[in-house]
């Protein structure tokens, strides 16, 4: 008999939920903020797309600065130049994103469509390799849905670049908000 299975502080045990139960109100409030932000994003998907592109630009600038700083930590000249050029490219791409957000949205949407098609195809192939003795149907369905979403994005590209990123952001925020609210209310009910 293992003592780990009876430990009071084991993962998923009652006592590990106590800190979360004490903060259930904050978790619900976080969920409400996410939900409101998601509804606002869905109400103006073009503005949400612009916000997404702006965020990507900021992340590219941060990554570029980190690459340049890292270049000065490298001791050999060849690797120093490689890190420096990579960092400079990220920085230029970040500024280009701010300079022309519509072009950046178009490129990001194109990449998203291609990535979804590739992911869908991989899931379909995975499901076909699982057909004997495993529940492969859900993996196949997931692959087909992902593949179709990718095709829809690419068929409507570049026009879809005006709203797809914002739509995805809005849906993600609504789903995340509902999840946080559900968790917070569940914790509150469990405490009662």
N, C-alpha and C. Protein backbone atom coordinates (compact mmCIF):
# COMPACT_ATOMS: atom_id res chain seq x y z
N UNK A 1 0.84 -1.17 0.00
CA UNK A 1 0.00 0.00 0.00
C UNK A 1 0.89 1.24 0.00
N UNK A 2 0.64 2.14 -0.92
CA UNK A 2 1.46 3.34 -1.07
C UNK A 2 0.92 4.46 -0.20
N UNK A 3 1.82 5.19 0.43
CA UNK A 3 1.39 6.32 1.25
C UNK A 3 1.09 7.54 0.40
N UNK A 4 1.61 7.57 -0.84
CA UNK A 4 1.39 8.73 -1.71
C UNK A 4 -0.08 8.86 -2.11
N UNK A 5 -0.77 7.73 -2.20
CA UNK A 5 -2.17 7.82 -2.60
C UNK A 5 -3.05 8.37 -1.50
N UNK A 6 -2.57 8.35 -0.26
CA UNK A 6 -3.35 8.85 0.86
C UNK A 6 -2.86 10.18 1.39
N UNK A 7 -1.87 10.76 0.71
CA UNK A 7 -1.31 12.03 1.18
C UNK A 7 -2.36 13.13 1.06
N UNK A 8 -2.51 13.95 2.09
CA UNK A 8 -3.54 14.98 2.06
C UNK A 8 -3.27 16.08 1.04
N UNK A 9 -2.02 16.28 0.67
CA UNK A 9 -1.70 17.37 -0.26
C UNK A 9 -1.39 16.84 -1.65
N UNK A 10 -1.88 15.68 -2.02
CA UNK A 10 -1.60 15.14 -3.34
C UNK A 10 -2.32 15.96 -4.40
N UNK A 11 -1.80 15.88 -5.61
CA UNK A 11 -2.36 16.66 -6.72
C UNK A 11 -3.80 16.26 -6.92
N UNK A 12 -4.68 17.25 -7.00
CA UNK A 12 -6.09 16.99 -7.22
C UNK A 12 -6.84 16.67 -5.95
N UNK A 13 -6.17 16.59 -4.82
CA UNK A 13 -6.84 16.28 -3.56
C UNK A 13 -7.63 17.47 -3.05
N UNK A 14 -8.41 17.22 -2.02
CA UNK A 14 -9.26 18.26 -1.45
C UNK A 14 -8.47 19.46 -0.97
N UNK A 15 -7.37 19.22 -0.24
CA UNK A 15 -6.63 20.34 0.33
C UNK A 15 -5.92 21.18 -0.72
N UNK A 16 -5.64 20.60 -1.90
CA UNK A 16 -4.98 21.39 -2.96
C UNK A 16 -5.96 22.37 -3.60
N UNK A 17 -7.25 22.17 -3.40
CA UNK A 17 -8.25 23.08 -3.95
C UNK A 17 -8.57 24.24 -3.02
N UNK A 18 -8.16 24.15 -1.76
CA UNK A 18 -8.49 25.20 -0.79
C UNK A 18 -8.03 26.59 -1.22
N UNK A 19 -6.79 26.76 -1.68
CA UNK A 19 -6.40 28.11 -2.12
C UNK A 19 -7.26 28.62 -3.27
N UNK A 20 -7.66 27.72 -4.17
CA UNK A 20 -8.51 28.12 -5.28
C UNK A 20 -9.93 28.47 -4.80
N UNK A 21 -10.44 27.70 -3.86
CA UNK A 21 -11.78 28.00 -3.34
C UNK A 21 -11.82 29.37 -2.70
N UNK A 22 -10.75 29.73 -2.01
CA UNK A 22 -10.71 31.05 -1.36
C UNK A 22 -10.72 32.17 -2.39
N UNK A 23 -10.27 31.89 -3.60
CA UNK A 23 -10.20 32.91 -4.65
C UNK A 23 -11.28 32.70 -5.71
N UNK A 24 -12.31 31.93 -5.43
CA UNK A 24 -13.32 31.62 -6.45
C UNK A 24 -14.00 32.88 -6.98
N UNK A 25 -14.19 33.88 -6.14
CA UNK A 25 -14.79 35.13 -6.60
C UNK A 25 -13.92 35.82 -7.63
N UNK A 26 -12.61 35.82 -7.39
CA UNK A 26 -11.68 36.43 -8.33
C UNK A 26 -11.64 35.65 -9.64
N UNK A 27 -11.76 34.32 -9.54
CA UNK A 27 -11.75 33.49 -10.75
C UNK A 27 -12.99 33.78 -11.59
N UNK A 28 -14.15 33.91 -10.94
CA UNK A 28 -15.37 34.26 -11.65
C UNK A 28 -15.23 35.65 -12.28
N UNK A 29 -14.66 36.60 -11.53
CA UNK A 29 -14.47 37.96 -12.05
C UNK A 29 -13.54 37.94 -13.28
N UNK A 30 -12.48 37.15 -13.22
CA UNK A 30 -11.58 37.01 -14.36
C UNK A 30 -12.35 36.46 -15.56
N UNK A 31 -13.19 35.46 -15.32
CA UNK A 31 -14.00 34.89 -16.39
C UNK A 31 -14.94 35.92 -17.00
N UNK A 32 -15.53 36.76 -16.15
CA UNK A 32 -16.44 37.80 -16.65
C UNK A 32 -15.67 38.80 -17.51
N UNK A 33 -14.46 39.18 -17.09
CA UNK A 33 -13.64 40.10 -17.88
C UNK A 33 -13.30 39.48 -19.24
N UNK A 34 -12.90 38.22 -19.25
CA UNK A 34 -12.61 37.53 -20.50
C UNK A 34 -13.85 37.50 -21.39
N UNK A 35 -15.01 37.17 -20.78
CA UNK A 35 -16.25 37.06 -21.53
C UNK A 35 -16.64 38.41 -22.15
N UNK A 36 -16.54 39.48 -21.38
CA UNK A 36 -16.86 40.81 -21.89
C UNK A 36 -15.89 41.20 -23.02
N UNK A 37 -14.59 40.94 -22.80
CA UNK A 37 -13.60 41.25 -23.84
C UNK A 37 -13.87 40.44 -25.11
N UNK A 38 -14.27 39.18 -24.96
CA UNK A 38 -14.59 38.35 -26.11
C UNK A 38 -15.80 38.84 -26.87
N UNK A 39 -16.82 39.28 -26.13
CA UNK A 39 -18.02 39.81 -26.78
C UNK A 39 -17.70 41.11 -27.52
N UNK A 40 -16.88 41.95 -26.89
CA UNK A 40 -16.45 43.19 -27.57
C UNK A 40 -15.66 42.86 -28.83
N UNK A 41 -14.75 41.88 -28.74
CA UNK A 41 -13.96 41.47 -29.90
C UNK A 41 -14.85 40.93 -31.01
N UNK A 42 -15.85 40.14 -30.64
CA UNK A 42 -16.76 39.60 -31.65
C UNK A 42 -17.64 40.69 -32.25
N UNK A 43 -17.89 41.75 -31.46
CA UNK A 43 -18.68 42.87 -31.96
C UNK A 43 -17.93 43.72 -32.96
N UNK A 44 -16.62 43.68 -32.91
CA UNK A 44 -15.79 44.44 -33.85
C UNK A 44 -14.56 43.60 -34.20
N UNK A 45 -14.77 42.61 -35.06
CA UNK A 45 -13.68 41.69 -35.37
C UNK A 45 -12.53 42.37 -36.11
N UNK A 46 -12.82 43.42 -36.86
CA UNK A 46 -11.75 44.13 -37.57
C UNK A 46 -10.84 44.82 -36.56
N UNK A 47 -11.43 45.48 -35.55
CA UNK A 47 -10.64 46.11 -34.51
C UNK A 47 -9.86 45.06 -33.70
N UNK A 48 -10.50 43.93 -33.43
CA UNK A 48 -9.83 42.85 -32.71
C UNK A 48 -8.67 42.29 -33.54
N UNK A 49 -8.84 42.22 -34.86
CA UNK A 49 -7.75 41.78 -35.72
C UNK A 49 -6.58 42.75 -35.63
N UNK A 50 -6.88 44.05 -35.64
CA UNK A 50 -5.82 45.06 -35.51
C UNK A 50 -5.11 44.92 -34.17
N UNK A 51 -5.86 44.66 -33.11
CA UNK A 51 -5.25 44.48 -31.79
C UNK A 51 -4.36 43.24 -31.78
N UNK A 52 -4.80 42.18 -32.43
CA UNK A 52 -4.00 40.96 -32.50
C UNK A 52 -2.70 41.21 -33.26
N UNK A 53 -2.79 41.91 -34.38
CA UNK A 53 -1.59 42.23 -35.17
C UNK A 53 -0.64 43.10 -34.36
N UNK A 54 -1.18 44.07 -33.63
CA UNK A 54 -0.36 44.93 -32.78
C UNK A 54 0.37 44.11 -31.73
N UNK A 55 -0.34 43.15 -31.12
CA UNK A 55 0.28 42.29 -30.10
C UNK A 55 1.39 41.43 -30.71
N UNK A 56 1.16 40.91 -31.92
CA UNK A 56 2.19 40.13 -32.59
C UNK A 56 3.41 41.01 -32.87
N UNK A 57 3.19 42.25 -33.28
CA UNK A 57 4.29 43.18 -33.52
C UNK A 57 5.11 43.42 -32.26
N UNK A 58 4.43 43.60 -31.14
CA UNK A 58 5.13 43.79 -29.86
C UNK A 58 5.96 42.55 -29.52
N UNK A 59 5.37 41.36 -29.70
CA UNK A 59 6.11 40.13 -29.40
C UNK A 59 7.33 39.97 -30.30
N UNK A 60 7.21 40.38 -31.58
CA UNK A 60 8.35 40.30 -32.48
C UNK A 60 9.46 41.26 -32.05
N UNK A 61 9.08 42.46 -31.63
CA UNK A 61 10.09 43.41 -31.14
C UNK A 61 10.80 42.87 -29.91
N UNK A 62 10.05 42.33 -28.97
CA UNK A 62 10.65 41.77 -27.75
C UNK A 62 11.58 40.62 -28.10
N UNK A 63 11.12 39.73 -28.99
CA UNK A 63 11.97 38.61 -29.41
C UNK A 63 13.23 39.11 -30.10
N UNK A 64 13.10 40.12 -30.94
CA UNK A 64 14.26 40.66 -31.65
C UNK A 64 15.27 41.28 -30.69
N UNK A 65 14.79 42.03 -29.74
CA UNK A 65 15.69 42.64 -28.74
C UNK A 65 16.39 41.56 -27.94
N UNK A 66 15.64 40.51 -27.57
CA UNK A 66 16.25 39.39 -26.83
C UNK A 66 17.31 38.70 -27.66
N UNK A 67 17.06 38.53 -28.96
CA UNK A 67 18.05 37.90 -29.86
C UNK A 67 19.32 38.75 -29.94
N UNK A 68 19.15 40.07 -30.07
CA UNK A 68 20.32 40.96 -30.15
C UNK A 68 21.11 40.90 -28.84
N UNK A 69 20.43 40.96 -27.72
CA UNK A 69 21.11 40.86 -26.42
C UNK A 69 21.84 39.52 -26.32
N UNK A 70 21.18 38.45 -26.78
CA UNK A 70 21.80 37.13 -26.74
C UNK A 70 23.02 37.07 -27.65
N UNK A 71 23.01 37.81 -28.75
CA UNK A 71 24.16 37.81 -29.66
C UNK A 71 25.43 38.25 -28.94
N UNK A 72 25.30 39.20 -28.04
CA UNK A 72 26.47 39.70 -27.33
C UNK A 72 26.96 38.74 -26.25
N UNK A 73 26.17 37.69 -25.98
CA UNK A 73 26.59 36.67 -25.03
C UNK A 73 27.37 35.54 -25.71
N UNK A 74 27.29 35.49 -27.04
CA UNK A 74 27.94 34.43 -27.81
C UNK A 74 29.40 34.83 -28.05
N UNK A 75 30.30 33.87 -27.93
CA UNK A 75 31.73 34.17 -27.98
C UNK A 75 32.33 34.10 -29.39
N UNK A 76 31.74 33.32 -30.30
CA UNK A 76 32.33 33.19 -31.63
C UNK A 76 31.69 34.18 -32.60
N UNK A 77 32.49 34.68 -33.53
CA UNK A 77 32.06 35.73 -34.45
C UNK A 77 30.91 35.27 -35.34
N UNK A 78 31.00 34.04 -35.89
CA UNK A 78 29.96 33.53 -36.79
C UNK A 78 28.61 33.42 -36.11
N UNK A 79 28.60 32.87 -34.91
CA UNK A 79 27.34 32.74 -34.18
C UNK A 79 26.84 34.10 -33.71
N UNK A 80 27.75 34.98 -33.38
CA UNK A 80 27.36 36.34 -32.99
C UNK A 80 26.60 37.01 -34.13
N UNK A 81 27.13 36.91 -35.35
CA UNK A 81 26.48 37.53 -36.51
C UNK A 81 25.12 36.89 -36.80
N UNK A 82 25.05 35.56 -36.65
CA UNK A 82 23.79 34.86 -36.89
C UNK A 82 22.71 35.35 -35.91
N UNK A 83 23.04 35.40 -34.62
CA UNK A 83 22.08 35.87 -33.62
C UNK A 83 21.71 37.33 -33.86
N UNK A 84 22.71 38.13 -34.22
CA UNK A 84 22.47 39.55 -34.46
C UNK A 84 21.54 39.76 -35.67
N UNK A 85 21.78 39.03 -36.75
CA UNK A 85 20.93 39.14 -37.94
C UNK A 85 19.51 38.65 -37.63
N UNK A 86 19.39 37.54 -36.91
CA UNK A 86 18.06 37.05 -36.54
C UNK A 86 17.31 38.08 -35.70
N UNK A 87 18.00 38.65 -34.74
CA UNK A 87 17.37 39.68 -33.91
C UNK A 87 16.96 40.89 -34.72
N UNK A 88 17.84 41.32 -35.62
CA UNK A 88 17.52 42.48 -36.46
C UNK A 88 16.31 42.19 -37.36
N UNK A 89 16.22 40.97 -37.88
CA UNK A 89 15.07 40.61 -38.72
C UNK A 89 13.77 40.65 -37.93
N UNK A 90 13.80 40.14 -36.71
CA UNK A 90 12.61 40.20 -35.85
C UNK A 90 12.21 41.65 -35.57
N UNK A 91 13.20 42.48 -35.30
CA UNK A 91 12.91 43.89 -35.00
C UNK A 91 12.31 44.57 -36.23
N UNK A 92 12.90 44.34 -37.39
CA UNK A 92 12.37 44.92 -38.63
C UNK A 92 10.95 44.41 -38.88
N UNK A 93 10.71 43.12 -38.68
CA UNK A 93 9.37 42.56 -38.88
C UNK A 93 8.37 43.16 -37.90
N UNK A 94 8.81 43.40 -36.66
CA UNK A 94 7.93 44.03 -35.69
C UNK A 94 7.54 45.43 -36.10
N UNK A 95 8.52 46.22 -36.54
CA UNK A 95 8.21 47.58 -37.00
C UNK A 95 7.37 47.56 -38.28
N UNK A 96 7.63 46.59 -39.17
CA UNK A 96 6.83 46.47 -40.39
C UNK A 96 5.37 46.15 -40.04
N UNK A 97 5.17 45.38 -38.99
CA UNK A 97 3.82 45.06 -38.54
C UNK A 97 3.09 46.32 -38.11
N UNK A 98 3.79 47.22 -37.41
CA UNK A 98 3.17 48.48 -36.99
C UNK A 98 2.95 49.41 -38.18
N UNK A 99 3.87 49.36 -39.15
CA UNK A 99 3.81 50.25 -40.30
C UNK A 99 2.66 49.88 -41.24
N UNK A 100 2.45 48.58 -41.44
CA UNK A 100 1.40 48.13 -42.35
C UNK A 100 0.62 46.97 -41.72
N UNK A 101 -0.29 47.28 -40.80
CA UNK A 101 -1.02 46.20 -40.11
C UNK A 101 -1.91 45.37 -41.02
N UNK A 102 -2.41 45.95 -42.11
CA UNK A 102 -3.25 45.16 -43.03
C UNK A 102 -2.43 44.08 -43.73
N UNK A 103 -1.23 44.44 -44.15
CA UNK A 103 -0.36 43.44 -44.77
C UNK A 103 0.02 42.37 -43.76
N UNK A 104 0.33 42.80 -42.53
CA UNK A 104 0.68 41.83 -41.49
C UNK A 104 -0.49 40.90 -41.20
N UNK A 105 -1.71 41.45 -41.15
CA UNK A 105 -2.89 40.61 -40.92
C UNK A 105 -3.07 39.62 -42.07
N UNK A 106 -2.81 40.07 -43.30
CA UNK A 106 -2.95 39.18 -44.46
C UNK A 106 -1.94 38.04 -44.39
N UNK A 107 -0.70 38.36 -44.04
CA UNK A 107 0.34 37.33 -43.94
C UNK A 107 0.01 36.36 -42.81
N UNK A 108 -0.37 36.88 -41.64
CA UNK A 108 -0.70 36.01 -40.50
C UNK A 108 -1.91 35.13 -40.81
N UNK A 109 -2.90 35.68 -41.49
CA UNK A 109 -4.08 34.88 -41.84
C UNK A 109 -3.72 33.79 -42.84
N UNK A 110 -2.88 34.12 -43.81
CA UNK A 110 -2.43 33.12 -44.78
C UNK A 110 -1.69 31.99 -44.06
N UNK A 111 -0.78 32.36 -43.16
CA UNK A 111 -0.04 31.34 -42.40
C UNK A 111 -0.97 30.50 -41.54
N UNK A 112 -1.98 31.15 -40.93
CA UNK A 112 -2.95 30.43 -40.12
C UNK A 112 -3.72 29.42 -40.96
N UNK A 113 -4.19 29.84 -42.15
CA UNK A 113 -4.92 28.93 -43.02
C UNK A 113 -4.08 27.73 -43.43
N UNK A 114 -2.83 27.97 -43.81
CA UNK A 114 -1.92 26.89 -44.21
C UNK A 114 -1.66 25.96 -43.02
N UNK A 115 -1.43 26.54 -41.84
CA UNK A 115 -1.17 25.73 -40.64
C UNK A 115 -2.37 24.87 -40.28
N UNK A 116 -3.58 25.42 -40.41
CA UNK A 116 -4.78 24.64 -40.10
C UNK A 116 -4.96 23.49 -41.08
N UNK A 117 -4.69 23.74 -42.36
CA UNK A 117 -4.78 22.66 -43.35
C UNK A 117 -3.76 21.56 -43.03
N UNK A 118 -2.53 21.96 -42.74
CA UNK A 118 -1.49 20.97 -42.41
C UNK A 118 -1.87 20.19 -41.15
N UNK A 119 -2.37 20.89 -40.13
CA UNK A 119 -2.77 20.23 -38.89
C UNK A 119 -3.94 19.27 -39.14
N UNK A 120 -4.91 19.71 -39.92
CA UNK A 120 -6.04 18.85 -40.24
C UNK A 120 -5.61 17.59 -40.97
N UNK A 121 -4.73 17.74 -41.96
CA UNK A 121 -4.23 16.58 -42.70
C UNK A 121 -3.48 15.62 -41.79
N UNK A 122 -2.68 16.16 -40.88
CA UNK A 122 -1.92 15.30 -39.96
C UNK A 122 -2.87 14.54 -39.03
N UNK A 123 -3.93 15.18 -38.55
CA UNK A 123 -4.89 14.49 -37.68
C UNK A 123 -5.64 13.41 -38.44
N UNK A 124 -5.98 13.69 -39.69
CA UNK A 124 -6.67 12.68 -40.50
C UNK A 124 -5.76 11.47 -40.71
N UNK A 125 -4.49 11.72 -41.05
CA UNK A 125 -3.54 10.62 -41.22
C UNK A 125 -3.34 9.86 -39.92
N UNK A 126 -3.28 10.58 -38.80
CA UNK A 126 -3.14 9.94 -37.50
C UNK A 126 -4.35 9.05 -37.22
N UNK A 127 -5.54 9.55 -37.51
CA UNK A 127 -6.74 8.76 -37.25
C UNK A 127 -6.78 7.51 -38.11
N UNK A 128 -6.31 7.60 -39.35
CA UNK A 128 -6.28 6.43 -40.23
C UNK A 128 -5.31 5.38 -39.71
N UNK A 129 -4.25 5.82 -39.06
CA UNK A 129 -3.30 4.85 -38.50
C UNK A 129 -3.80 4.26 -37.19
N UNK A 130 -4.87 4.83 -36.61
CA UNK A 130 -5.42 4.35 -35.33
C UNK A 130 -6.68 3.51 -35.53
N UNK A 131 -7.08 3.22 -36.75
CA UNK A 131 -8.39 2.63 -37.02
C UNK A 131 -8.59 1.25 -36.40
N UNK A 132 -7.55 0.54 -36.10
CA UNK A 132 -7.69 -0.82 -35.60
C UNK A 132 -7.62 -0.85 -34.08
N UNK A 133 -8.79 -0.96 -33.46
CA UNK A 133 -8.84 -1.19 -32.02
C UNK A 133 -8.86 0.05 -31.15
N UNK A 134 -8.84 1.24 -31.72
CA UNK A 134 -8.88 2.45 -30.89
C UNK A 134 -10.01 3.35 -31.37
N UNK A 135 -10.50 4.21 -30.50
CA UNK A 135 -11.56 5.14 -30.91
C UNK A 135 -10.97 6.30 -31.73
N UNK A 136 -10.93 6.10 -33.04
CA UNK A 136 -10.27 7.03 -33.95
C UNK A 136 -11.23 8.06 -34.53
N UNK A 137 -12.52 7.87 -34.38
CA UNK A 137 -13.50 8.72 -35.04
C UNK A 137 -13.42 10.18 -34.65
N UNK A 138 -13.19 10.45 -33.35
CA UNK A 138 -13.11 11.85 -32.89
C UNK A 138 -11.88 12.54 -33.44
N UNK A 139 -10.79 11.80 -33.56
CA UNK A 139 -9.57 12.38 -34.13
C UNK A 139 -9.80 12.69 -35.61
N UNK A 140 -10.50 11.79 -36.32
CA UNK A 140 -10.81 12.01 -37.72
C UNK A 140 -11.72 13.23 -37.88
N UNK A 141 -12.76 13.33 -37.03
CA UNK A 141 -13.68 14.47 -37.09
C UNK A 141 -12.94 15.78 -36.82
N UNK A 142 -12.07 15.76 -35.81
CA UNK A 142 -11.28 16.95 -35.49
C UNK A 142 -10.42 17.36 -36.67
N UNK A 143 -9.80 16.39 -37.32
CA UNK A 143 -8.96 16.68 -38.49
C UNK A 143 -9.76 17.24 -39.64
N UNK A 144 -10.93 16.69 -39.88
CA UNK A 144 -11.78 17.18 -40.98
C UNK A 144 -12.24 18.61 -40.72
N UNK A 145 -12.67 18.89 -39.47
CA UNK A 145 -13.12 20.24 -39.13
C UNK A 145 -11.98 21.24 -39.27
N UNK A 146 -10.80 20.90 -38.76
CA UNK A 146 -9.64 21.78 -38.86
C UNK A 146 -9.25 22.01 -40.31
N UNK A 147 -9.27 20.95 -41.12
CA UNK A 147 -8.96 21.06 -42.54
C UNK A 147 -9.96 21.99 -43.25
N UNK A 148 -11.24 21.82 -42.96
CA UNK A 148 -12.26 22.66 -43.59
C UNK A 148 -12.13 24.13 -43.18
N UNK A 149 -11.84 24.38 -41.91
CA UNK A 149 -11.64 25.76 -41.46
C UNK A 149 -10.46 26.39 -42.20
N UNK A 150 -9.38 25.64 -42.34
CA UNK A 150 -8.22 26.13 -43.09
C UNK A 150 -8.57 26.44 -44.53
N UNK A 151 -9.34 25.56 -45.17
CA UNK A 151 -9.76 25.81 -46.56
C UNK A 151 -10.65 27.04 -46.66
N UNK A 152 -11.58 27.19 -45.73
CA UNK A 152 -12.47 28.36 -45.76
C UNK A 152 -11.66 29.65 -45.63
N UNK A 153 -10.69 29.64 -44.73
CA UNK A 153 -9.84 30.83 -44.56
C UNK A 153 -9.09 31.14 -45.86
N UNK A 154 -8.51 30.12 -46.49
CA UNK A 154 -7.72 30.36 -47.70
C UNK A 154 -8.58 30.71 -48.90
N UNK A 155 -9.77 30.14 -49.01
CA UNK A 155 -10.65 30.44 -50.14
C UNK A 155 -11.07 31.91 -50.09
N UNK A 156 -11.26 32.44 -48.90
CA UNK A 156 -11.70 33.83 -48.75
C UNK A 156 -10.54 34.81 -48.52
N UNK A 157 -9.30 34.30 -48.58
CA UNK A 157 -8.13 35.16 -48.39
C UNK A 157 -7.95 36.01 -49.63
N UNK A 158 -7.56 37.25 -49.58
CA UNK A 158 -7.09 38.05 -48.46
C UNK A 158 -8.19 38.79 -47.69
N UNK A 159 -9.43 38.72 -48.19
CA UNK A 159 -10.51 39.43 -47.50
C UNK A 159 -10.67 38.90 -46.08
N UNK A 160 -10.50 37.58 -45.90
CA UNK A 160 -10.66 36.99 -44.58
C UNK A 160 -9.65 37.53 -43.57
N UNK A 161 -8.55 38.11 -44.06
CA UNK A 161 -7.53 38.63 -43.14
C UNK A 161 -8.04 39.83 -42.35
N UNK A 162 -9.14 40.44 -42.80
CA UNK A 162 -9.70 41.57 -42.05
C UNK A 162 -10.42 41.13 -40.78
N UNK A 163 -10.91 39.90 -40.75
CA UNK A 163 -11.75 39.50 -39.62
C UNK A 163 -11.38 38.18 -38.96
N UNK A 164 -10.62 37.32 -39.60
CA UNK A 164 -10.36 35.99 -39.04
C UNK A 164 -9.61 36.05 -37.72
N UNK A 165 -8.53 36.81 -37.66
CA UNK A 165 -7.76 36.87 -36.41
C UNK A 165 -8.60 37.42 -35.27
N UNK A 166 -9.40 38.45 -35.55
CA UNK A 166 -10.29 39.00 -34.53
C UNK A 166 -11.37 38.03 -34.13
N UNK A 167 -11.90 37.29 -35.10
CA UNK A 167 -12.92 36.28 -34.80
C UNK A 167 -12.35 35.19 -33.90
N UNK A 168 -11.16 34.70 -34.24
CA UNK A 168 -10.53 33.68 -33.42
C UNK A 168 -10.24 34.21 -32.02
N UNK A 169 -9.76 35.44 -31.92
CA UNK A 169 -9.49 36.04 -30.62
C UNK A 169 -10.78 36.14 -29.81
N UNK A 170 -11.86 36.63 -30.43
CA UNK A 170 -13.13 36.77 -29.72
C UNK A 170 -13.66 35.44 -29.23
N UNK A 171 -13.65 34.44 -30.09
CA UNK A 171 -14.14 33.11 -29.70
C UNK A 171 -13.28 32.54 -28.57
N UNK A 172 -11.96 32.69 -28.68
CA UNK A 172 -11.07 32.20 -27.63
C UNK A 172 -11.36 32.88 -26.30
N UNK A 173 -11.54 34.19 -26.31
CA UNK A 173 -11.83 34.91 -25.06
C UNK A 173 -13.17 34.49 -24.46
N UNK A 174 -14.19 34.30 -25.30
CA UNK A 174 -15.50 33.87 -24.79
C UNK A 174 -15.40 32.47 -24.18
N UNK A 175 -14.75 31.55 -24.87
CA UNK A 175 -14.62 30.18 -24.35
C UNK A 175 -13.78 30.16 -23.07
N UNK A 176 -12.68 30.91 -23.06
CA UNK A 176 -11.84 30.97 -21.85
C UNK A 176 -12.62 31.60 -20.70
N UNK A 177 -13.38 32.66 -20.99
CA UNK A 177 -14.19 33.31 -19.95
C UNK A 177 -15.21 32.36 -19.37
N UNK A 178 -15.91 31.63 -20.24
CA UNK A 178 -16.90 30.66 -19.77
C UNK A 178 -16.23 29.58 -18.93
N UNK A 179 -15.03 29.17 -19.33
CA UNK A 179 -14.30 28.16 -18.56
C UNK A 179 -13.92 28.66 -17.17
N UNK A 180 -13.43 29.90 -17.09
CA UNK A 180 -13.06 30.46 -15.78
C UNK A 180 -14.29 30.65 -14.90
N UNK A 181 -15.38 31.12 -15.49
CA UNK A 181 -16.61 31.29 -14.71
C UNK A 181 -17.09 29.93 -14.20
N UNK A 182 -17.08 28.92 -15.06
CA UNK A 182 -17.49 27.58 -14.65
C UNK A 182 -16.62 27.04 -13.53
N UNK A 183 -15.31 27.25 -13.64
CA UNK A 183 -14.40 26.79 -12.60
C UNK A 183 -14.68 27.50 -11.29
N UNK A 184 -14.80 28.82 -11.34
CA UNK A 184 -15.05 29.60 -10.12
C UNK A 184 -16.36 29.22 -9.45
N UNK A 185 -17.42 29.07 -10.24
CA UNK A 185 -18.71 28.68 -9.65
C UNK A 185 -18.67 27.26 -9.12
N UNK A 186 -17.97 26.38 -9.83
CA UNK A 186 -17.81 24.99 -9.35
C UNK A 186 -17.06 24.94 -8.03
N UNK A 187 -16.02 25.74 -7.90
CA UNK A 187 -15.28 25.79 -6.64
C UNK A 187 -16.14 26.35 -5.52
N UNK A 188 -16.96 27.35 -5.85
CA UNK A 188 -17.84 27.94 -4.85
C UNK A 188 -18.89 26.94 -4.38
N UNK A 189 -19.45 26.15 -5.33
CA UNK A 189 -20.44 25.14 -4.98
C UNK A 189 -19.80 24.03 -4.13
N UNK A 190 -18.57 23.65 -4.48
CA UNK A 190 -17.89 22.59 -3.73
C UNK A 190 -17.59 23.02 -2.30
N UNK A 191 -17.38 24.32 -2.12
CA UNK A 191 -17.08 24.83 -0.78
C UNK A 191 -18.33 24.89 0.08
N UNK A 192 -19.50 25.01 -0.55
CA UNK A 192 -20.75 25.13 0.20
C UNK A 192 -21.25 23.82 0.75
